[in-house]
């Protein structure tokens, strides 16, 4: 499989595009949540640029191995507060399995999950099973061009 190497300058452009997306919508999150591993750096980057608080959660289904599928109750309580807005941040919405799992857990806990929680990824893979991405910087289709995306933090 061919690799597509993403550089830091491209990441900067992607992060800024997502920030412009939610800013243009008039929707400002109270919290940016990076999904470890890939979403942690973009979430912190957005936090530095916007002064919006950031946090991380650890959920990974990479390589079909479930690793720590758990959202802590204090985190769920925090984002379930009435009117509290949260942006979940990933580097890539690849298969979508991780974001589907996260969304389902948040929906179980948060009555207004559809209004309060939005989802973003630097890159959105069109065939992904997760179809509720609110913001992305680039769209790809791995069914047509099956490239492996390599972000700078993966080197």
Protein backbone atom coordinates (compact mmCIF):
# COMPACT_ATOMS: atom_id res chain seq x y z
CA UNK A 1 0.00 0.00 0.00
CA UNK A 2 1.36 3.39 -0.90
CA UNK A 3 1.93 5.94 1.84
CA UNK A 4 0.93 9.57 1.88
CA UNK A 5 3.20 11.55 4.19
CA UNK A 6 1.53 14.53 5.85
CA UNK A 7 3.84 17.36 6.95
CA UNK A 8 3.49 19.80 9.83
CA UNK A 9 2.58 22.67 7.49
CA UNK A 10 -0.30 20.62 6.06
CA UNK A 11 -1.48 19.75 9.59
CA UNK A 12 -1.45 23.46 10.45
CA UNK A 13 -3.66 24.18 7.43
CA UNK A 14 -6.04 21.34 8.38
CA UNK A 15 -6.33 22.46 12.01
CA UNK A 16 -7.07 26.02 10.91
CA UNK A 17 -9.70 24.82 8.43
CA UNK A 18 -11.56 22.97 11.20
CA UNK A 19 -11.38 26.02 13.48
CA UNK A 20 -12.78 28.18 10.66
CA UNK A 21 -15.54 25.60 10.15
CA UNK A 22 -16.93 25.77 13.67
CA UNK A 23 -16.27 29.52 13.89
CA UNK A 24 -18.21 30.12 10.66
CA UNK A 25 -21.07 28.04 12.10
CA UNK A 26 -21.15 30.28 15.18
CA UNK A 27 -20.57 27.19 17.31
CA UNK A 28 -17.74 27.45 19.82
CA UNK A 29 -16.98 24.36 21.87
CA UNK A 30 -16.33 24.61 25.59
CA UNK A 31 -13.99 21.64 25.33
CA UNK A 32 -11.85 20.05 22.61
CA UNK A 33 -11.34 16.32 23.13
CA UNK A 34 -8.53 14.55 21.31
CA UNK A 35 -8.90 10.82 20.82
CA UNK A 36 -5.57 9.25 21.76
CA UNK A 37 -3.38 8.69 19.86
CA UNK A 38 -4.03 10.50 16.60
CA UNK A 39 -6.42 13.19 17.79
CA UNK A 40 -4.38 14.35 20.78
CA UNK A 41 -1.97 16.63 18.90
CA UNK A 42 -4.62 18.27 16.67
CA UNK A 43 -6.86 18.91 19.72
CA UNK A 44 -4.00 20.51 21.66
CA UNK A 45 -3.01 22.52 18.58
CA UNK A 46 -6.58 23.83 18.25
CA UNK A 47 -6.58 24.62 21.95
CA UNK A 48 -3.39 26.67 21.64
CA UNK A 49 -4.85 28.63 18.72
CA UNK A 50 -8.29 29.25 20.25
CA UNK A 51 -7.73 29.21 24.02
CA UNK A 52 -10.45 26.57 24.30
CA UNK A 53 -9.70 23.97 26.97
CA UNK A 54 -8.58 20.57 25.77
CA UNK A 55 -8.67 17.05 27.14
CA UNK A 56 -8.05 13.56 25.80
CA UNK A 57 -9.79 10.21 25.86
CA UNK A 58 -8.27 6.83 25.08
CA UNK A 59 -10.29 4.68 22.71
CA UNK A 60 -8.64 2.62 19.98
CA UNK A 61 -9.90 -0.08 17.69
CA UNK A 62 -6.85 0.10 15.42
CA UNK A 63 -5.86 -3.16 13.77
CA UNK A 64 -9.16 -4.68 14.98
CA UNK A 65 -7.84 -4.98 18.54
CA UNK A 66 -10.06 -3.33 21.15
CA UNK A 67 -7.83 -1.39 23.52
CA UNK A 68 -9.33 0.33 26.55
CA UNK A 69 -12.86 0.96 25.24
CA UNK A 70 -13.89 3.07 28.20
CA UNK A 71 -15.09 6.63 28.70
CA UNK A 72 -14.66 7.73 32.32
CA UNK A 73 -17.81 8.77 34.16
CA UNK A 74 -16.32 12.17 35.21
CA UNK A 75 -15.69 12.91 31.53
CA UNK A 76 -19.24 11.88 30.58
CA UNK A 77 -20.68 13.99 33.43
CA UNK A 78 -18.67 17.01 32.31
CA UNK A 79 -19.85 16.89 28.69
CA UNK A 80 -23.43 16.08 29.72
CA UNK A 81 -23.86 19.41 31.54
CA UNK A 82 -26.77 21.37 29.99
CA UNK A 83 -25.48 23.65 27.27
CA UNK A 84 -21.89 22.36 27.46
CA UNK A 85 -20.46 22.00 23.94
CA UNK A 86 -17.77 19.45 23.09
CA UNK A 87 -15.80 18.84 19.90
CA UNK A 88 -14.33 15.35 19.53
CA UNK A 89 -11.11 15.52 17.47
CA UNK A 90 -9.49 12.73 15.44
CA UNK A 91 -6.67 12.77 12.94
CA UNK A 92 -8.54 10.51 10.50
CA UNK A 93 -12.04 9.12 10.30
CA UNK A 94 -10.74 5.94 8.69
CA UNK A 95 -13.01 2.93 9.27
CA UNK A 96 -15.16 4.99 11.66
CA UNK A 97 -15.28 2.26 14.28
CA UNK A 98 -13.73 4.39 17.02
CA UNK A 99 -16.01 7.38 16.44
CA UNK A 100 -19.12 5.19 16.22
CA UNK A 101 -18.24 3.63 19.58
CA UNK A 102 -17.57 7.03 21.18
CA UNK A 103 -20.80 8.50 19.80
CA UNK A 104 -22.86 5.56 21.06
CA UNK A 105 -21.39 5.83 24.57
CA UNK A 106 -21.99 9.59 24.68
CA UNK A 107 -25.58 9.12 23.43
CA UNK A 108 -26.23 6.64 26.26
CA UNK A 109 -25.16 9.24 28.82
CA UNK A 110 -26.04 12.62 27.34
CA UNK A 111 -29.66 13.48 26.56
CA UNK A 112 -28.74 16.36 24.25
CA UNK A 113 -25.77 14.60 22.62
CA UNK A 114 -26.88 15.64 19.13
CA UNK A 115 -26.83 19.34 20.08
CA UNK A 116 -23.91 19.38 22.49
CA UNK A 117 -21.31 17.09 20.91
CA UNK A 118 -19.82 17.47 17.45
CA UNK A 119 -17.15 15.43 15.71
CA UNK A 120 -14.15 16.41 13.60
CA UNK A 121 -11.22 14.79 11.83
CA UNK A 122 -8.39 16.26 9.85
CA UNK A 123 -9.09 13.70 7.12
CA UNK A 124 -12.42 12.02 6.39
CA UNK A 125 -12.39 8.70 4.54
CA UNK A 126 -15.61 8.69 2.52
CA UNK A 127 -16.37 4.94 2.95
CA UNK A 128 -16.09 5.22 6.76
CA UNK A 129 -19.02 3.80 8.74
CA UNK A 130 -19.11 7.03 10.80
CA UNK A 131 -21.29 9.46 8.84
CA UNK A 132 -21.83 12.15 11.49
CA UNK A 133 -18.61 14.11 11.03
CA UNK A 134 -19.33 17.82 11.39
CA UNK A 135 -15.92 19.17 10.41
CA UNK A 136 -13.04 17.89 8.31
CA UNK A 137 -10.20 19.48 6.40
CA UNK A 138 -9.77 16.91 3.63
CA UNK A 139 -11.87 14.12 2.19
CA UNK A 140 -10.38 10.95 0.70
CA UNK A 141 -11.78 7.66 -0.59
CA UNK A 142 -9.64 4.67 0.32
CA UNK A 143 -11.84 2.40 -1.79
CA UNK A 144 -10.64 4.28 -4.87
CA UNK A 145 -7.12 5.20 -3.67
CA UNK A 146 -6.06 2.90 -0.80
CA UNK A 147 -3.23 5.01 0.58
CA UNK A 148 -1.87 4.80 4.12
CA UNK A 149 -1.89 8.26 5.72
CA UNK A 150 1.19 8.98 7.84
CA UNK A 151 0.97 12.01 10.12
CA UNK A 152 4.13 13.70 11.45
CA UNK A 153 3.58 12.31 14.97
CA UNK A 154 3.63 8.75 13.60
CA UNK A 155 7.19 8.86 12.30
